[in-house]
Amino acid sequence: MPDRYARMLDLAVEVMSAEDPEFVWPLLTAELLTALDGELIVVKEVPWTRDQGSVVIRSPEPLPEVGAGEDSVQAYIRSGYPFIDRYGATADWTPQSAARVVGARTWQNSPTADALRQAFGTRHVFGLPLPQRGPHVSGFLVHRSGGDFSRHDERYAARVQPLLKAATAHRSLLMALRESSGSARRRQANHALAAPLTPRETNVLHLLATGLTAEVIGRRLGISPRTVHKHLNALYRKLGAADRLSAVLRAQGAGLLPGSAEPPATHPRPGSSSPPR
């Protein structure tokens, strides 16, 4: 069987070429469950409070009926104990199990652990956060009913963190593109071009507007910098622009990009006195 890091690397590359955001979570969460021998996984993508915020749970097997205590179980999950106190208040993003964060006895005797045992039959939870700035913590919570997660699991999770963060960023971009392309005005603006932008060119345009270089855009989309430049040349031609700044401004003026978007930075390339084209 291939090394589990190699499998995740292959999946991350596949995700970066995806154009459907709904494709991302099923692929990544299924692999995390296999690699970490988990039984269910909670995806934390948006901020939660104890009373609000959708709880997305994925499992290869049908989940048991939670019953009357479902709201309270979700409240325990949203509270994020004990991970929110660790990851939300420090710069240490090391993936760890709940038992290792607060101690095995403290975790097993906690109301959260008791609620999860009763609801899902799981005993241990593993936090795999996605490093970022600010108090909001996102990432994955992997549950299992057997023994606690090992140091080997921690090393694996730390190694795949950058891959998961990149895949999550790509999913966020795809969601933004879906919302943007869903606008009737933007669809009409694209069709009004003599040669409408392709989905991939639209991806490149949105990343271009954030000021990313061709190399970074290529990594984000899973394509080579040379291919990115081909898309850029097509964008410039279709928008009647000479460089990335004018391309973004023309796209904003045409309604293809939100008007509030900041023009891309024009930092010179190392060893060059001119901005990147």
Protein backbone atom coordinates (compact mmCIF):
# COMPACT_ATOMS: atom_id res chain seq x y z
CA MET A 1 0.00 0.00 0.00
CA PRO A 2 1.39 3.44 -0.87
CA ASP A 3 2.69 5.60 1.95
CA ARG A 4 -0.17 7.60 3.45
CA TYR A 5 1.62 10.90 2.95
CA ALA A 6 2.15 10.06 -0.73
CA ARG A 7 -1.56 9.27 -1.05
CA MET A 8 -2.52 12.63 0.45
CA LEU A 9 -0.02 14.41 -1.80
CA ASP A 10 -1.60 12.77 -4.85
CA LEU A 11 -5.07 13.75 -3.66
CA ALA A 12 -4.02 17.34 -2.98
CA VAL A 13 -2.70 17.63 -6.54
CA GLU A 14 -5.99 16.20 -7.81
CA VAL A 15 -7.97 18.66 -5.69
CA MET A 16 -5.97 21.62 -7.02
CA SER A 17 -7.15 20.80 -10.53
CA ALA A 18 -10.79 20.50 -9.46
CA GLU A 19 -13.34 23.08 -10.55
CA ASP A 20 -16.19 21.88 -8.32
CA PRO A 21 -15.88 22.84 -4.61
CA GLU A 22 -18.15 19.94 -3.60
CA PHE A 23 -15.43 17.59 -4.84
CA VAL A 24 -12.92 18.65 -2.17
CA TRP A 25 -14.21 17.54 1.24
CA PRO A 26 -15.36 13.99 0.36
CA LEU A 27 -11.96 13.22 -1.15
CA LEU A 28 -9.82 14.66 1.64
CA THR A 29 -11.93 13.50 4.57
CA ALA A 30 -12.12 9.94 3.25
CA GLU A 31 -8.33 9.82 3.05
CA LEU A 32 -7.89 11.32 6.54
CA LEU A 33 -10.24 8.71 7.99
CA THR A 34 -8.26 5.94 6.32
CA ALA A 35 -4.83 7.32 7.24
CA LEU A 36 -5.76 8.03 10.87
CA ASP A 37 -7.96 4.97 11.35
CA GLY A 38 -10.91 7.20 12.21
CA GLU A 39 -14.61 6.45 12.24
CA LEU A 40 -16.01 9.90 11.69
CA ILE A 41 -14.61 13.34 10.99
CA VAL A 42 -15.93 16.82 11.73
CA VAL A 43 -15.03 19.52 9.20
CA LYS A 44 -14.67 22.97 10.77
CA GLU A 45 -14.58 25.50 7.96
CA VAL A 46 -16.60 28.42 9.33
CA PRO A 47 -16.71 30.08 12.77
CA TRP A 48 -18.92 28.33 15.32
CA THR A 49 -20.56 29.45 18.51
CA ARG A 50 -22.10 27.11 21.03
CA ASP A 51 -25.56 27.85 19.60
CA GLN A 52 -24.87 28.54 15.93
CA GLY A 53 -22.83 27.19 13.05
CA SER A 54 -23.34 24.12 10.90
CA VAL A 55 -21.60 20.96 12.08
CA VAL A 56 -20.46 18.94 9.06
CA ILE A 57 -19.84 15.31 10.01
CA ARG A 58 -18.55 12.77 7.51
CA SER A 59 -18.34 9.03 8.05
CA PRO A 60 -17.97 6.00 5.77
CA GLU A 61 -20.67 4.28 7.80
CA PRO A 62 -24.19 5.50 8.68
CA LEU A 63 -24.11 7.48 11.90
CA PRO A 64 -26.19 6.27 14.84
CA GLU A 65 -29.39 8.09 15.70
CA VAL A 66 -28.44 10.75 18.23
CA GLY A 67 -31.98 11.27 19.50
CA ALA A 68 -33.20 13.93 21.85
CA GLY A 69 -29.74 15.08 22.82
CA GLU A 70 -28.69 16.01 19.29
CA ASP A 71 -28.66 19.76 19.94
CA SER A 72 -26.52 19.39 23.04
CA VAL A 73 -24.09 17.06 21.23
CA GLN A 74 -23.68 19.64 18.46
CA ALA A 75 -23.18 22.31 21.11
CA TYR A 76 -20.35 20.26 22.64
CA ILE A 77 -18.78 19.84 19.20
CA ARG A 78 -19.10 23.55 18.44
CA SER A 79 -17.55 24.49 21.77
CA GLY A 80 -14.33 22.94 20.47
CA TYR A 81 -13.10 21.64 23.82
CA PRO A 82 -10.19 21.32 24.41
CA PHE A 83 -8.80 22.45 21.05
CA ILE A 84 -10.19 25.98 20.89
CA ASP A 85 -8.27 26.98 24.03
CA ARG A 86 -5.06 25.52 22.65
CA TYR A 87 -5.16 26.60 19.03
CA GLY A 88 -7.15 29.79 19.45
CA ALA A 89 -4.86 31.26 22.08
CA THR A 90 -1.38 30.13 20.99
CA ALA A 91 0.77 29.96 17.88
CA ASP A 92 1.28 26.23 18.37
CA TRP A 93 -0.65 24.44 15.61
CA THR A 94 0.67 20.95 16.38
CA PRO A 95 -1.97 18.28 15.61
CA GLN A 96 -2.78 16.37 18.81
CA SER A 97 -5.44 14.26 20.43
CA ALA A 98 -7.72 15.72 23.09
CA ALA A 99 -6.28 13.32 25.65
CA ARG A 100 -2.78 14.59 24.96
CA VAL A 101 -3.85 18.25 25.12
CA VAL A 102 -5.43 18.10 28.59
CA GLY A 103 -4.40 14.68 29.88
CA ALA A 104 -6.11 11.31 29.42
CA ARG A 105 -8.03 11.34 32.71
CA THR A 106 -9.22 14.93 32.34
CA TRP A 107 -10.43 14.25 28.78
CA GLN A 108 -12.21 10.97 29.53
CA ASN A 109 -14.03 12.53 32.50
CA SER A 110 -15.10 15.64 30.61
CA PRO A 111 -18.74 16.31 29.63
CA THR A 112 -17.64 16.58 25.98
CA ALA A 113 -16.05 13.14 25.91
CA ASP A 114 -19.09 11.66 27.67
CA ALA A 115 -21.49 13.24 25.15
CA LEU A 116 -19.47 11.97 22.18
CA ARG A 117 -19.25 8.45 23.64
CA GLN A 118 -22.99 8.33 24.07
CA ALA A 119 -23.75 9.84 20.66
CA PHE A 120 -21.18 8.13 18.44
CA GLY A 121 -19.44 5.48 20.52
CA THR A 122 -16.07 7.21 20.05
CA ARG A 123 -13.52 7.68 22.82
CA HIS A 124 -10.78 9.81 21.30
CA VAL A 125 -10.71 12.96 19.16
CA PHE A 126 -7.75 14.19 17.16
CA GLY A 127 -7.43 17.88 16.29
CA LEU A 128 -5.83 18.74 12.96
CA PRO A 129 -5.97 22.56 12.71
CA LEU A 130 -5.14 24.65 9.66
CA PRO A 131 -2.63 27.33 10.73
CA GLN A 132 -3.86 30.88 10.23
CA ARG A 133 -3.94 34.29 11.88
CA GLY A 134 -6.72 35.42 14.19
CA PRO A 135 -8.84 33.74 16.86
CA HIS A 136 -10.89 31.63 14.44
CA VAL A 137 -9.72 28.01 14.33
CA SER A 138 -10.55 25.84 11.35
CA GLY A 139 -9.57 22.29 10.47
CA PHE A 140 -10.64 18.72 11.16
CA LEU A 141 -11.61 16.67 14.20
CA VAL A 142 -11.09 12.93 13.69
CA HIS A 143 -12.93 10.56 16.03
CA ARG A 144 -12.13 6.94 16.85
CA SER A 145 -13.38 4.38 19.36
CA GLY A 146 -10.16 2.42 19.89
CA GLY A 147 -6.89 3.52 21.44
CA ASP A 148 -5.61 7.05 21.43
CA PHE A 149 -3.85 8.54 18.41
CA SER A 150 -0.11 7.88 18.29
CA ARG A 151 2.94 10.08 17.88
CA HIS A 152 3.23 8.60 14.39
CA ASP A 153 -0.26 9.93 13.66
CA GLU A 154 0.83 13.35 14.91
CA ARG A 155 3.87 13.38 12.63
CA TYR A 156 1.75 12.37 9.65
CA ALA A 157 -0.85 15.06 10.40
CA ALA A 158 1.82 17.75 10.78
CA ARG A 159 3.29 16.73 7.45
CA VAL A 160 -0.01 16.94 5.56
CA GLN A 161 -1.09 20.24 7.17
CA PRO A 162 0.33 22.39 4.32
CA LEU A 163 -1.39 20.18 1.74
CA LEU A 164 -4.72 20.46 3.53
CA LYS A 165 -4.36 24.22 3.94
CA ALA A 166 -3.66 24.63 0.21
CA ALA A 167 -6.60 22.41 -0.70
CA THR A 168 -8.88 24.35 1.64
CA ALA A 169 -7.73 27.66 0.14
CA HIS A 170 -8.51 26.28 -3.31
CA ARG A 171 -11.97 25.22 -2.17
CA SER A 172 -12.58 28.72 -0.82
CA LEU A 173 -11.58 30.13 -4.19
CA LEU A 174 -13.94 27.74 -5.98
CA MET A 175 -16.79 28.75 -3.67
CA ALA A 176 -16.07 32.43 -4.38
CA LEU A 177 -15.99 31.72 -8.09
CA ARG A 178 -19.27 29.85 -7.88
CA GLU A 179 -20.87 32.80 -6.11
CA SER A 180 -19.35 35.19 -8.62
CA SER A 181 -20.34 33.19 -11.68
CA GLY A 182 -23.82 32.80 -10.23
CA SER A 183 -24.34 36.53 -10.61
CA ALA A 184 -26.50 37.21 -13.66
CA ARG A 185 -24.60 40.46 -14.24
CA ARG A 186 -21.23 38.70 -14.32
CA ARG A 187 -22.51 35.94 -16.58
CA GLN A 188 -23.80 38.58 -18.98
CA ALA A 189 -20.51 40.48 -18.75
CA ASN A 190 -18.56 37.36 -19.69
CA HIS A 191 -20.86 36.53 -22.59
CA ALA A 192 -20.55 40.13 -23.77
CA LEU A 193 -16.83 39.63 -24.44
CA ALA A 194 -15.92 38.87 -28.04
CA ALA A 195 -14.35 35.66 -26.67
CA PRO A 196 -15.75 34.70 -23.23
CA LEU A 197 -13.34 33.57 -20.52
CA THR A 198 -13.01 29.85 -19.91
CA PRO A 199 -13.50 28.51 -16.33
CA ARG A 200 -9.73 28.14 -15.93
CA GLU A 201 -9.09 31.66 -17.20
CA THR A 202 -11.67 32.89 -14.70
CA ASN A 203 -9.78 31.04 -11.93
CA VAL A 204 -6.54 32.72 -12.98
CA LEU A 205 -8.24 36.12 -13.16
CA HIS A 206 -9.55 35.90 -9.60
CA LEU A 207 -6.15 34.83 -8.28
CA LEU A 208 -4.50 37.55 -10.34
CA ALA A 209 -6.68 40.12 -8.58
CA THR A 210 -5.17 39.08 -5.23
CA GLY A 211 -1.66 39.95 -6.44
CA LEU A 212 -0.27 36.41 -6.64
CA THR A 213 2.64 35.66 -8.94
CA ALA A 214 2.37 33.21 -11.83
CA GLU A 215 4.39 30.68 -9.82
CA VAL A 216 2.03 30.87 -6.83
CA ILE A 217 -1.06 30.79 -9.07
CA GLY A 218 0.34 27.67 -10.69
CA ARG A 219 0.83 25.95 -7.33
CA ARG A 220 -2.66 26.97 -6.24
CA LEU A 221 -4.25 25.55 -9.39
CA GLY A 222 -1.95 22.58 -9.82
CA ILE A 223 -0.56 23.76 -13.17
CA SER A 224 2.86 24.92 -14.36
CA PRO A 225 3.90 28.61 -14.44
CA ARG A 226 4.20 28.25 -18.21
CA THR A 227 0.55 27.23 -18.42
CA VAL A 228 -0.39 30.14 -16.17
CA HIS A 229 1.35 32.54 -18.57
CA LYS A 230 -0.62 31.04 -21.45
CA HIS A 231 -3.83 31.77 -19.55
CA LEU A 232 -2.58 35.27 -18.75
CA ASN A 233 -1.87 35.96 -22.40
CA ALA A 234 -5.39 34.79 -23.28
CA LEU A 235 -6.84 37.00 -20.55
CA TYR A 236 -4.94 40.05 -21.75
CA ARG A 237 -6.07 39.44 -25.31
CA LYS A 238 -9.73 38.96 -24.42
CA LEU A 239 -9.80 41.94 -22.07
CA GLY A 240 -7.73 44.19 -24.32
CA ALA A 241 -5.16 44.67 -21.57
CA ALA A 242 -1.39 45.04 -21.68
CA ASP A 243 -0.53 43.75 -18.19
CA ARG A 244 -2.05 42.30 -15.04
CA LEU A 245 -2.99 45.63 -13.46
CA SER A 246 -4.93 46.81 -16.50
CA ALA A 247 -6.46 43.32 -16.89
CA VAL A 248 -7.87 43.44 -13.35
CA LEU A 249 -9.10 47.02 -13.76
CA ARG A 250 -10.77 46.19 -17.08
CA ALA A 251 -12.33 43.08 -15.55
CA GLN A 252 -13.69 45.17 -12.67
CA GLY A 253 -15.02 47.76 -15.08
CA ALA A 254 -16.70 45.06 -17.17
CA GLY A 255 -18.32 43.50 -14.10
CA LEU A 256 -16.26 40.29 -14.20
CA LEU A 257 -14.69 41.04 -10.81
CA PRO A 258 -16.14 42.77 -7.75
CA GLY A 259 -15.48 46.48 -7.99
CA SER A 260 -14.16 46.52 -4.43
CA ALA A 261 -11.30 44.17 -5.25
CA GLU A 262 -7.87 45.70 -4.71
CA PRO A 263 -5.69 46.06 -7.81
CA PRO A 264 -2.90 43.48 -7.83
CA ALA A 265 0.45 44.37 -6.38
CA THR A 266 3.13 45.05 -8.94
CA HIS A 267 6.23 43.92 -7.09
CA PRO A 268 9.24 43.58 -9.38
CA ARG A 269 10.68 40.15 -9.92
CA PRO A 270 13.98 39.43 -8.17
CA GLY A 271 16.72 40.89 -10.29
CA SER A 272 14.30 42.91 -12.41
CA SER A 273 13.33 46.57 -12.33
CA SER A 274 9.97 46.07 -14.02
CA PRO A 275 6.72 44.69 -12.57
CA PRO A 276 5.66 41.15 -13.50
CA ARG A 277 3.58 40.84 -16.64
